[in-house]
Amino acid sequence: MKADLEWVEKLENRVKRTVRITFEGHDKIKWQFKRSDEEFWDYDTPPSADDWEALEEKIDALYHRRRQPYKHVELVKKLRKEAAQN
């Protein structure tokens, strides 16, 4: 499966964390996380507020470069707002 968006961030203990986002259907986002010190991908951990913020920044930048459709920008903003309320 090809990810729609992926980035790597360094944590404070020099461990890399890969975040992979896949847009599924019209109203779902699949989050995947993998730390360099772990063997398997994590599909169950909900994204943090920082993860949502990073996604919104990245999807907005990609939209302005015409690499993501506007419907993905709208979906990310909608789901981020819903996640903040829960």
PDB file of N, CA and C in Angstrom:
ATOM      1  N   MET A   1       0.840  -1.172   0.000  1.00  0.00           N
ATOM      2  CA  MET A   1       0.000   0.000   0.000  1.00  0.00           C
ATOM      3  C   MET A   1       0.892   1.245   0.000  1.00  0.00           C
ATOM      4  N   LYS A   2       0.614   2.157  -0.896  1.00  0.00           N
ATOM      5  CA  LYS A   2       1.374   3.393  -0.978  1.00  0.00           C
ATOM      6  C   LYS A   2       0.754   4.439  -0.052  1.00  0.00           C
ATOM      7  N   ALA A   3       1.582   5.059   0.735  1.00  0.00           N
ATOM      8  CA  ALA A   3       1.100   6.105   1.638  1.00  0.00           C
ATOM      9  C   ALA A   3       0.885   7.397   0.853  1.00  0.00           C
ATOM     10  N   ASP A   4      -0.136   8.144   1.220  1.00  0.00           N
ATOM     11  CA  ASP A   4      -0.382   9.437   0.603  1.00  0.00           C
ATOM     12  C   ASP A   4       0.582  10.490   1.119  1.00  0.00           C
ATOM     13  N   LEU A   5       1.047  10.307   2.358  1.00  0.00           N
ATOM     14  CA  LEU A   5       1.933  11.291   2.979  1.00  0.00           C
ATOM     15  C   LEU A   5       2.762  10.595   4.050  1.00  0.00           C
ATOM     16  N   GLU A   6       4.058  10.920   4.113  1.00  0.00           N
ATOM     17  CA  GLU A   6       4.930  10.297   5.105  1.00  0.00           C
ATOM     18  C   GLU A   6       6.032  11.275   5.472  1.00  0.00           C
ATOM     19  N   TRP A   7       6.387  11.293   6.759  1.00  0.00           N
ATOM     20  CA  TRP A   7       7.502  12.122   7.197  1.00  0.00           C
ATOM     21  C   TRP A   7       8.197  11.454   8.371  1.00  0.00           C
ATOM     22  N   VAL A   8       9.433  11.882   8.609  1.00  0.00           N
ATOM     23  CA  VAL A   8      10.256  11.349   9.698  1.00  0.00           C
ATOM     24  C   VAL A   8      10.602  12.503  10.620  1.00  0.00           C
ATOM     25  N   GLU A   9      10.453  12.252  11.913  1.00  0.00           N
ATOM     26  CA  GLU A   9      10.832  13.258  12.907  1.00  0.00           C
ATOM     27  C   GLU A   9      11.772  12.618  13.914  1.00  0.00           C
ATOM     28  N   LYS A  10      12.650  13.412  14.473  1.00  0.00           N
ATOM     29  CA  LYS A  10      13.582  12.918  15.480  1.00  0.00           C
ATOM     30  C   LYS A  10      13.051  13.267  16.854  1.00  0.00           C
ATOM     31  N   LEU A  11      13.003  12.281  17.717  1.00  0.00           N
ATOM     32  CA  LEU A  11      12.579  12.483  19.097  1.00  0.00           C
ATOM     33  C   LEU A  11      13.786  12.920  19.926  1.00  0.00           C
ATOM     34  N   GLU A  12      13.531  13.357  21.156  1.00  0.00           N
ATOM     35  CA  GLU A  12      14.621  13.896  21.968  1.00  0.00           C
ATOM     36  C   GLU A  12      15.680  12.873  22.335  1.00  0.00           C
ATOM     37  N   ASN A  13      15.356  11.590  22.301  1.00  0.00           N
ATOM     38  CA  ASN A  13      16.342  10.566  22.661  1.00  0.00           C
ATOM     39  C   ASN A  13      17.044   9.992  21.427  1.00  0.00           C
ATOM     40  N   ARG A  14      17.113  10.781  20.343  1.00  0.00           N
ATOM     41  CA  ARG A  14      17.802  10.445  19.097  1.00  0.00           C
ATOM     42  C   ARG A  14      17.188   9.254  18.379  1.00  0.00           C
ATOM     43  N   VAL A  15      15.933   8.997  18.635  1.00  0.00           N
ATOM     44  CA  VAL A  15      15.198   7.936  17.958  1.00  0.00           C
ATOM     45  C   VAL A  15      14.354   8.580  16.859  1.00  0.00           C
ATOM     46  N   LYS A  16      14.381   7.978  15.689  1.00  0.00           N
ATOM     47  CA  LYS A  16      13.569   8.490  14.592  1.00  0.00           C
ATOM     48  C   LYS A  16      12.176   7.879  14.659  1.00  0.00           C
ATOM     49  N   ARG A  17      11.189   8.676  14.317  1.00  0.00           N
ATOM     50  CA  ARG A  17       9.791   8.226  14.310  1.00  0.00           C
ATOM     51  C   ARG A  17       9.208   8.555  12.938  1.00  0.00           C
ATOM     52  N   THR A  18       8.765   7.532  12.246  1.00  0.00           N
ATOM     53  CA  THR A  18       8.153   7.713  10.941  1.00  0.00           C
ATOM     54  C   THR A  18       6.642   7.751  11.113  1.00  0.00           C
ATOM     55  N   VAL A  19       6.019   8.731  10.487  1.00  0.00           N
ATOM     56  CA  VAL A  19       4.564   8.877  10.515  1.00  0.00           C
ATOM     57  C   VAL A  19       4.080   8.715   9.085  1.00  0.00           C
ATOM     58  N   ARG A  20       3.103   7.838   8.900  1.00  0.00           N
ATOM     59  CA  ARG A  20       2.560   7.567   7.576  1.00  0.00           C
ATOM     60  C   ARG A  20       1.056   7.798   7.607  1.00  0.00           C
ATOM     61  N   ILE A  21       0.562   8.550   6.630  1.00  0.00           N
ATOM     62  CA  ILE A  21      -0.858   8.884   6.539  1.00  0.00           C
ATOM     63  C   ILE A  21      -1.393   8.344   5.227  1.00  0.00           C
ATOM     64  N   THR A  22      -2.548   7.681   5.292  1.00  0.00           N
ATOM     65  CA  THR A  22      -3.229   7.220   4.093  1.00  0.00           C
ATOM     66  C   THR A  22      -4.663   7.712   4.150  1.00  0.00           C
ATOM     67  N   PHE A  23      -5.116   8.328   3.085  1.00  0.00           N
ATOM     68  CA  PHE A  23      -6.498   8.787   3.002  1.00  0.00           C
ATOM     69  C   PHE A  23      -7.342   7.638   2.459  1.00  0.00           C
ATOM     70  N   GLU A  24      -8.300   7.207   3.263  1.00  0.00           N
ATOM     71  CA  GLU A  24      -9.153   6.076   2.906  1.00  0.00           C
ATOM     72  C   GLU A  24     -10.578   6.569   2.719  1.00  0.00           C
ATOM     73  N   GLY A  25     -11.098   6.422   1.539  1.00  0.00           N
ATOM     74  CA  GLY A  25     -12.476   6.837   1.300  1.00  0.00           C
ATOM     75  C   GLY A  25     -12.623   8.342   1.376  1.00  0.00           C
ATOM     76  N   HIS A  26     -13.823   8.769   1.730  1.00  0.00           N
ATOM     77  CA  HIS A  26     -14.115  10.200   1.750  1.00  0.00           C
ATOM     78  C   HIS A  26     -13.980  10.830   3.124  1.00  0.00           C
ATOM     79  N   ASP A  27     -13.944  10.014   4.178  1.00  0.00           N
ATOM     80  CA  ASP A  27     -13.977  10.612   5.509  1.00  0.00           C
ATOM     81  C   ASP A  27     -13.093   9.900   6.527  1.00  0.00           C
ATOM     82  N   LYS A  28     -12.054   9.218   6.066  1.00  0.00           N
ATOM     83  CA  LYS A  28     -11.178   8.505   6.994  1.00  0.00           C
ATOM     84  C   LYS A  28      -9.718   8.759   6.672  1.00  0.00           C
ATOM     85  N   ILE A  29      -8.924   8.788   7.732  1.00  0.00           N
ATOM     86  CA  ILE A  29      -7.473   8.879   7.617  1.00  0.00           C
ATOM     87  C   ILE A  29      -6.890   7.726   8.417  1.00  0.00           C
ATOM     88  N   LYS A  30      -5.974   7.000   7.822  1.00  0.00           N
ATOM     89  CA  LYS A  30      -5.304   5.910   8.525  1.00  0.00           C
ATOM     90  C   LYS A  30      -3.926   6.409   8.958  1.00  0.00           C
ATOM     91  N   TRP A  31      -3.685   6.372  10.252  1.00  0.00           N
ATOM     92  CA  TRP A  31      -2.409   6.783  10.836  1.00  0.00           C
ATOM     93  C   TRP A  31      -1.560   5.551  11.103  1.00  0.00           C
ATOM     94  N   GLN A  32      -0.270   5.626  10.795  1.00  0.00           N
ATOM     95  CA  GLN A  32       0.677   4.560  11.101  1.00  0.00           C
ATOM     96  C   GLN A  32       1.938   5.207  11.668  1.00  0.00           C
ATOM     97  N   PHE A  33       2.485   4.589  12.704  1.00  0.00           N
ATOM     98  CA  PHE A  33       3.680   5.123  13.351  1.00  0.00           C
ATOM     99  C   PHE A  33       4.716   4.006  13.474  1.00  0.00           C
ATOM    100  N   LYS A  34       5.993   4.360  13.286  1.00  0.00           N
ATOM    101  CA  LYS A  34       7.057   3.387  13.504  1.00  0.00           C
ATOM    102  C   LYS A  34       8.272   4.114  14.059  1.00  0.00           C
ATOM    103  N   ARG A  35       8.719   3.641  15.195  1.00  0.00           N
ATOM    104  CA  ARG A  35       9.939   4.172  15.797  1.00  0.00           C
ATOM    105  C   ARG A  35      11.113   3.319  15.322  1.00  0.00           C
ATOM    106  N   SER A  36      12.278   3.940  15.199  1.00  0.00           N
ATOM    107  CA  SER A  36      13.443   3.203  14.717  1.00  0.00           C
ATOM    108  C   SER A  36      13.926   2.147  15.714  1.00  0.00           C
ATOM    109  N   ASP A  37      13.548   2.290  16.969  1.00  0.00           N
ATOM    110  CA  ASP A  37      13.958   1.299  17.970  1.00  0.00           C
ATOM    111  C   ASP A  37      12.912   0.194  18.161  1.00  0.00           C
ATOM    112  N   GLU A  38      11.871   0.197  17.335  1.00  0.00           N
ATOM    113  CA  GLU A  38      10.847  -0.846  17.393  1.00  0.00           C
ATOM    114  C   GLU A  38      10.806  -1.573  16.067  1.00  0.00           C
ATOM    115  N   GLU A  39      10.384  -2.816  16.108  1.00  0.00           N
ATOM    116  CA  GLU A  39      10.422  -3.650  14.910  1.00  0.00           C
ATOM    117  C   GLU A  39       9.182  -3.500  14.027  1.00  0.00           C
ATOM    118  N   PHE A  40       8.027  -3.257  14.641  1.00  0.00           N
ATOM    119  CA  PHE A  40       6.783  -3.278  13.894  1.00  0.00           C
ATOM    120  C   PHE A  40       6.102  -1.908  13.868  1.00  0.00           C
ATOM    121  N   TRP A  41       5.256  -1.717  12.861  1.00  0.00           N
ATOM    122  CA  TRP A  41       4.446  -0.505  12.758  1.00  0.00           C
ATOM    123  C   TRP A  41       3.339  -0.531  13.792  1.00  0.00           C
ATOM    124  N   ASP A  42       2.996   0.651  14.302  1.00  0.00           N
ATOM    125  CA  ASP A  42       1.921   0.813  15.284  1.00  0.00           C
ATOM    126  C   ASP A  42       0.710   1.404  14.570  1.00  0.00           C
ATOM    127  N   TYR A  43      -0.374   0.651  14.537  1.00  0.00           N
ATOM    128  CA  TYR A  43      -1.602   1.090  13.874  1.00  0.00           C
ATOM    129  C   TYR A  43      -2.679   1.524  14.872  1.00  0.00           C
ATOM    130  N   ASP A  44      -2.444   1.328  16.144  1.00  0.00           N
ATOM    131  CA  ASP A  44      -3.481   1.508  17.154  1.00  0.00           C
ATOM    132  C   ASP A  44      -3.397   2.802  17.958  1.00  0.00           C
ATOM    133  N   THR A  45      -2.224   3.383  18.082  1.00  0.00           N
ATOM    134  CA  THR A  45      -2.067   4.588  18.886  1.00  0.00           C
ATOM    135  C   THR A  45      -2.743   5.769  18.200  1.00  0.00           C
ATOM    136  N   PRO A  46      -3.620   6.466  18.901  1.00  0.00           N
ATOM    137  CA  PRO A  46      -4.247   7.643  18.283  1.00  0.00           C
ATOM    138  C   PRO A  46      -3.231   8.776  18.132  1.00  0.00           C
ATOM    139  N   PRO A  47      -3.382   9.604  17.105  1.00  0.00           N
ATOM    140  CA  PRO A  47      -2.437  10.706  16.912  1.00  0.00           C
ATOM    141  C   PRO A  47      -2.581  11.761  18.005  1.00  0.00           C
ATOM    142  N   SER A  48      -1.470  12.354  18.369  1.00  0.00           N
ATOM    143  CA  SER A  48      -1.472  13.412  19.384  1.00  0.00           C
ATOM    144  C   SER A  48      -1.844  14.741  18.724  1.00  0.00           C
ATOM    145  N   ALA A  49      -2.012  15.757  19.536  1.00  0.00           N
ATOM    146  CA  ALA A  49      -2.307  17.095  19.010  1.00  0.00           C
ATOM    147  C   ALA A  49      -1.152  17.594  18.148  1.00  0.00           C
ATOM    148  N   ASP A  50       0.079  17.257  18.525  1.00  0.00           N
ATOM    149  CA  ASP A  50       1.248  17.643  17.728  1.00  0.00           C
ATOM    150  C   ASP A  50       1.248  16.939  16.370  1.00  0.00           C
ATOM    151  N   ASP A  51       0.818  15.673  16.349  1.00  0.00           N
ATOM    152  CA  ASP A  51       0.720  14.934  15.086  1.00  0.00           C
ATOM    153  C   ASP A  51      -0.289  15.597  14.154  1.00  0.00           C
ATOM    154  N   TRP A  52      -1.439  15.983  14.711  1.00  0.00           N
ATOM    155  CA  TRP A  52      -2.465  16.652  13.908  1.00  0.00           C
ATOM    156  C   TRP A  52      -1.946  17.980  13.362  1.00  0.00           C
ATOM    157  N   GLU A  53      -1.229  18.728  14.200  1.00  0.00           N
ATOM    158  CA  GLU A  53      -0.691  20.018  13.776  1.00  0.00           C
ATOM    159  C   GLU A  53       0.323  19.832  12.636  1.00  0.00           C
ATOM    160  N   ALA A  54       1.216  18.856  12.795  1.00  0.00           N
ATOM    161  CA  ALA A  54       2.209  18.587  11.753  1.00  0.00           C
ATOM    162  C   ALA A  54       1.526  18.171  10.454  1.00  0.00           C
ATOM    163  N   LEU A  55       0.505  17.327  10.545  1.00  0.00           N
ATOM    164  CA  LEU A  55      -0.216  16.898   9.346  1.00  0.00           C
ATOM    165  C   LEU A  55      -0.874  18.085   8.654  1.00  0.00           C
ATOM    166  N   GLU A  56      -1.513  18.944   9.429  1.00  0.00           N
ATOM    167  CA  GLU A  56      -2.190  20.088   8.822  1.00  0.00           C
ATOM    168  C   GLU A  56      -1.191  21.014   8.118  1.00  0.00           C
ATOM    169  N   GLU A  57      -0.032  21.235   8.724  1.00  0.00           N
ATOM    170  CA  GLU A  57       0.994  22.068   8.090  1.00  0.00           C
ATOM    171  C   GLU A  57       1.501  21.431   6.798  1.00  0.00           C
ATOM    172  N   LYS A  58       1.756  20.129   6.837  1.00  0.00           N
ATOM    173  CA  LYS A  58       2.300  19.438   5.671  1.00  0.00           C
ATOM    174  C   LYS A  58       1.283  19.341   4.540  1.00  0.00           C
ATOM    175  N   ILE A  59       0.030  19.043   4.865  1.00  0.00           N
ATOM    176  CA  ILE A  59      -0.983  18.912   3.827  1.00  0.00           C
ATOM    177  C   ILE A  59      -1.269  20.268   3.189  1.00  0.00           C
ATOM    178  N   ASP A  60      -1.214  21.335   3.990  1.00  0.00           N
ATOM    179  CA  ASP A  60      -1.420  22.674   3.450  1.00  0.00           C
ATOM    180  C   ASP A  60      -0.291  23.049   2.492  1.00  0.00           C
ATOM    181  N   ALA A  61       0.942  22.751   2.870  1.00  0.00           N
ATOM    182  CA  ALA A  61       2.084  23.045   1.999  1.00  0.00           C
ATOM    183  C   ALA A  61       2.000  22.239   0.698  1.00  0.00           C
ATOM    184  N   LEU A  62       1.616  20.980   0.799  1.00  0.00           N
ATOM    185  CA  LEU A  62       1.489  20.153  -0.405  1.00  0.00           C
ATOM    186  C   LEU A  62       0.352  20.638  -1.299  1.00  0.00           C
ATOM    187  N   TYR A  63      -0.720  21.107  -0.695  1.00  0.00           N
ATOM    188  CA  TYR A  63      -1.828  21.639  -1.485  1.00  0.00           C
ATOM    189  C   TYR A  63      -1.367  22.861  -2.290  1.00  0.00           C
ATOM    190  N   HIS A  64      -0.607  23.735  -1.657  1.00  0.00           N
ATOM    191  CA  HIS A  64      -0.143  24.943  -2.343  1.00  0.00           C
ATOM    192  C   HIS A  64       0.852  24.616  -3.455  1.00  0.00           C
ATOM    193  N   ARG A  65       1.484  23.457  -3.379  1.00  0.00           N
ATOM    194  CA  ARG A  65       2.375  23.009  -4.455  1.00  0.00           C
ATOM    195  C   ARG A  65       1.639  22.109  -5.451  1.00  0.00           C
ATOM    196  N   ARG A  66       0.322  22.037  -5.304  1.00  0.00           N
ATOM    197  CA  ARG A  66      -0.544  21.240  -6.184  1.00  0.00           C
ATOM    198  C   ARG A  66      -0.210  19.754  -6.161  1.00  0.00           C
ATOM    199  N   ARG A  67       0.127  19.253  -4.973  1.00  0.00           N
ATOM    200  CA  ARG A  67       0.451  17.838  -4.827  1.00  0.00           C
ATOM    201  C   ARG A  67      -0.575  17.089  -3.988  1.00  0.00           C
ATOM    202  N   GLN A  68      -1.548  17.798  -3.432  1.00  0.00           N
ATOM    203  CA  GLN A  68      -2.654  17.201  -2.685  1.00  0.00           C
ATOM    204  C   GLN A  68      -3.930  17.946  -3.052  1.00  0.00           C
ATOM    205  N   PRO A  69      -5.054  17.239  -3.145  1.00  0.00           N
ATOM    206  CA  PRO A  69      -6.312  17.928  -3.458  1.00  0.00           C
ATOM    207  C   PRO A  69      -6.849  18.694  -2.246  1.00  0.00           C
ATOM    208  N   TYR A  70      -7.672  19.693  -2.516  1.00  0.00           N
ATOM    209  CA  TYR A  70      -8.230  20.509  -1.444  1.00  0.00           C
ATOM    210  C   TYR A  70      -9.141  19.698  -0.528  1.00  0.00           C
ATOM    211  N   LYS A  71      -9.775  18.656  -1.052  1.00  0.00           N
ATOM    212  CA  LYS A  71     -10.648  17.835  -0.208  1.00  0.00           C
ATOM    213  C   LYS A  71      -9.862  17.192   0.934  1.00  0.00           C
ATOM    214  N   HIS A  72      -8.568  16.905   0.743  1.00  0.00           N
ATOM    215  CA  HIS A  72      -7.751  16.352   1.821  1.00  0.00           C
ATOM    216  C   HIS A  72      -7.467  17.412   2.879  1.00  0.00           C
ATOM    217  N   VAL A  73      -7.256  18.651   2.442  1.00  0.00           N
ATOM    218  CA  VAL A  73      -7.042  19.753   3.390  1.00  0.00           C
ATOM    219  C   VAL A  73      -8.291  19.920   4.259  1.00  0.00           C
ATOM    220  N   GLU A  74      -9.454  19.939   3.630  1.00  0.00           N
ATOM    221  CA  GLU A  74     -10.710  20.073   4.377  1.00  0.00           C
ATOM    222  C   GLU A  74     -10.912  18.915   5.342  1.00  0.00           C
ATOM    223  N   LEU A  75     -10.630  17.694   4.892  1.00  0.00           N
ATOM    224  CA  LEU A  75     -10.810  16.513   5.741  1.00  0.00           C
ATOM    225  C   LEU A  75      -9.902  16.566   6.965  1.00  0.00           C
ATOM    226  N   VAL A  76      -8.643  16.958   6.771  1.00  0.00           N
ATOM    227  CA  VAL A  76      -7.708  17.041   7.891  1.00  0.00           C
ATOM    228  C   VAL A  76      -8.184  18.073   8.911  1.00  0.00           C
ATOM    229  N   LYS A  77      -8.617  19.230   8.447  1.00  0.00           N
ATOM    230  CA  LYS A  77      -9.106  20.265   9.372  1.00  0.00           C
ATOM    231  C   LYS A  77     -10.340  19.788  10.130  1.00  0.00           C
ATOM    232  N   LYS A  78     -11.254  19.116   9.438  1.00  0.00           N
ATOM    233  CA  LYS A  78     -12.473  18.616  10.073  1.00  0.00           C
ATOM    234  C   LYS A  78     -12.151  17.554  11.127  1.00  0.00           C
ATOM    235  N   LEU A  79     -11.312  16.579  10.773  1.00  0.00           N
ATOM    236  CA  LEU A  79     -10.984  15.506  11.716  1.00  0.00           C
ATOM    237  C   LEU A  79     -10.123  16.007  12.879  1.00  0.00           C
ATOM    238  N   ARG A  80      -9.278  16.995  12.627  1.00  0.00           N
ATOM    239  CA  ARG A  80      -8.484  17.564  13.725  1.00  0.00           C
ATOM    240  C   ARG A  80      -9.388  18.243  14.744  1.00  0.00           C
ATOM    241  N   LYS A  81     -10.380  18.960  14.249  1.00  0.00           N
ATOM    242  CA  LYS A  81     -11.328  19.630  15.154  1.00  0.00           C
ATOM    243  C   LYS A  81     -12.107  18.598  15.968  1.00  0.00           C
ATOM    244  N   GLU A  82     -12.543  17.510  15.311  1.00  0.00           N
ATOM    245  CA  GLU A  82     -13.263  16.441  16.014  1.00  0.00           C
ATOM    246  C   GLU A  82     -12.389  15.771  17.058  1.00  0.00           C
ATOM    247  N   ALA A  83     -11.120  15.552  16.728  1.00  0.00           N
ATOM    248  CA  ALA A  83     -10.196  14.908  17.678  1.00  0.00           C
ATOM    249  C   ALA A  83      -9.937  15.792  18.889  1.00  0.00           C
ATOM    250  N   ALA A  84      -9.912  17.100  18.685  1.00  0.00           N
ATOM    251  CA  ALA A  84      -9.668  18.031  19.786  1.00  0.00           C
ATOM    252  C   ALA A  84     -10.844  18.068  20.752  1.00  0.00           C
ATOM    253  N   GLN A  85     -12.046  17.813  20.237  1.00  0.00           N
ATOM    254  CA  GLN A  85     -13.232  17.826  21.084  1.00  0.00           C
ATOM    255  C   GLN A  85     -13.362  16.568  21.929  1.00  0.00           C
ATOM    256  N   ASN A  86     -12.726  15.493  21.490  1.00  0.00           N
ATOM    257  CA  ASN A  86     -12.826  14.214  22.246  1.00  0.00           C
ATOM    258  C   ASN A  86     -11.815  14.105  23.330  1.00  0.00           C
TER     259      ASN A  86
END
